[in-house]
Amino acid sequence: MDKEELTAWALANGWQMVAGMPSLMKPTAPKEAIVRMSLKATVVNVEVKKPAGKWEKIAGKPYGEVQADPETGLPLGLSFESIPGFTRLMEVNKDRMVFARMK
């Protein structure tokens, strides 16, 4: 997957663009990003915000090594499948966006 494909996947699955990066917002504070994808020229990094406010890289791969799961479309190789609660966080963010459009 390349930068554009990752961005399109993220935006279709509950992520929001914050400071030019696809980000998942904190459920209790929907204006604060807690997970983000840093899309560089040749690599994508997944970063998590620590309680102290510092971003920590938890995974990173060159675009050529990131492949979409044939069944779910989830980008494989970025540790999304191993992050506890990641799927639920994505669902909460996606639901919030859908309900915001209904208002």
Protein backbone atom coordinates (compact mmCIF):
# COMPACT_ATOMS: atom_id res chain seq x y z
CA MET A 1 0.00 0.00 0.00
CA ASP A 2 1.23 3.50 -0.72
CA LYS A 3 0.64 6.79 1.08
CA GLU A 4 -2.60 7.58 -0.77
CA GLU A 5 -4.04 4.09 -0.24
CA LEU A 6 -3.25 4.18 3.48
CA THR A 7 -4.79 7.63 3.83
CA ALA A 8 -7.95 6.55 1.95
CA TRP A 9 -8.24 3.39 4.07
CA ALA A 10 -7.77 5.37 7.28
CA LEU A 11 -10.35 8.03 6.44
CA ALA A 12 -12.88 5.36 5.46
CA ASN A 13 -12.35 3.58 8.79
CA GLY A 14 -12.84 6.32 11.36
CA TRP A 15 -9.51 8.13 11.25
CA GLN A 16 -9.37 11.93 10.99
CA MET A 17 -6.71 14.19 9.56
CA VAL A 18 -4.98 16.06 12.40
CA ALA A 19 -1.88 18.13 11.64
CA GLY A 20 -1.69 16.43 8.23
CA MET A 21 -1.64 12.89 9.67
CA PRO A 22 -4.41 10.28 9.85
CA SER A 23 -5.23 10.05 13.57
CA LEU A 24 -7.57 8.24 15.93
CA MET A 25 -9.06 10.39 18.63
CA LYS A 26 -9.25 9.65 22.34
CA PRO A 27 -12.77 8.35 23.20
CA THR A 28 -13.08 10.56 26.29
CA ALA A 29 -11.60 13.64 24.59
CA PRO A 30 -12.61 13.56 20.90
CA LYS A 31 -10.44 16.55 20.01
CA GLU A 32 -7.22 14.88 21.18
CA ALA A 33 -5.39 12.37 18.97
CA ILE A 34 -4.12 9.21 20.67
CA VAL A 35 -2.88 7.14 17.67
CA ARG A 36 -1.49 8.50 14.41
CA MET A 37 0.09 7.31 11.20
CA SER A 38 3.11 9.36 10.25
CA LEU A 39 3.34 9.05 6.47
CA LYS A 40 6.91 9.82 5.42
CA ALA A 41 8.39 9.74 1.91
CA THR A 42 9.30 6.04 1.96
CA VAL A 43 7.95 4.65 5.25
CA VAL A 44 4.83 4.74 7.39
CA ASN A 45 5.12 4.84 11.19
CA VAL A 46 2.38 4.15 13.71
CA GLU A 47 2.75 6.28 16.82
CA VAL A 48 0.89 6.26 20.14
CA LYS A 49 0.65 9.23 22.46
CA LYS A 50 1.98 8.52 25.94
CA PRO A 51 0.31 10.00 29.04
CA ALA A 52 3.13 12.55 29.30
CA GLY A 53 2.16 13.85 25.84
CA LYS A 54 5.12 12.46 23.90
CA TRP A 55 4.55 10.37 20.76
CA GLU A 56 6.17 6.92 20.72
CA LYS A 57 6.72 4.92 17.54
CA ILE A 58 5.32 1.40 17.93
CA ALA A 59 5.64 0.18 14.33
CA GLY A 60 7.09 1.27 11.04
CA LYS A 61 7.49 -0.27 7.60
CA PRO A 62 8.40 0.80 4.08
CA TYR A 63 5.28 1.20 1.95
CA GLY A 64 6.25 -1.82 -0.16
CA GLU A 65 6.02 -4.10 2.88
CA VAL A 66 2.54 -2.95 3.94
CA GLN A 67 -0.20 -5.08 2.37
CA ALA A 68 -3.97 -4.92 2.83
CA ASP A 69 -5.59 -7.96 4.42
CA PRO A 70 -7.71 -9.57 1.66
CA GLU A 71 -10.66 -10.10 4.00
CA THR A 72 -10.72 -6.98 6.20
CA GLY A 73 -8.62 -4.46 4.27
CA LEU A 74 -6.60 -3.82 7.45
CA PRO A 75 -3.00 -2.89 6.58
CA LEU A 76 -0.79 -5.80 7.65
CA GLY A 77 2.70 -5.14 8.94
CA LEU A 78 1.89 -2.11 11.09
CA SER A 79 1.01 -4.07 14.25
CA PHE A 80 -2.68 -3.05 14.11
CA GLU A 81 -3.68 -6.67 14.62
CA SER A 82 -1.59 -6.93 17.79
CA ILE A 83 -2.50 -3.63 19.47
CA PRO A 84 -5.04 -4.36 22.23
CA GLY A 85 -8.24 -2.41 21.72
CA PHE A 86 -7.22 -0.95 18.37
CA THR A 87 -10.25 -2.32 16.50
CA ARG A 88 -12.59 -0.99 19.18
CA LEU A 89 -10.92 2.44 19.08
CA MET A 90 -11.43 2.54 15.31
CA GLU A 91 -15.11 1.58 15.74
CA VAL A 92 -15.69 4.31 18.35
CA ASN A 93 -14.10 6.92 16.08
CA LYS A 94 -16.06 5.74 13.04
CA ASP A 95 -19.36 5.75 14.97
CA ARG A 96 -18.66 9.27 16.26
CA MET A 97 -18.10 10.49 12.70
CA VAL A 98 -21.30 8.84 11.41
CA PHE A 99 -23.43 10.29 14.20
CA ALA A 100 -21.85 13.74 13.76
CA ARG A 101 -23.03 13.74 10.11
CA MET A 102 -26.60 12.97 11.20
CA LYS A 103 -26.89 16.18 13.25
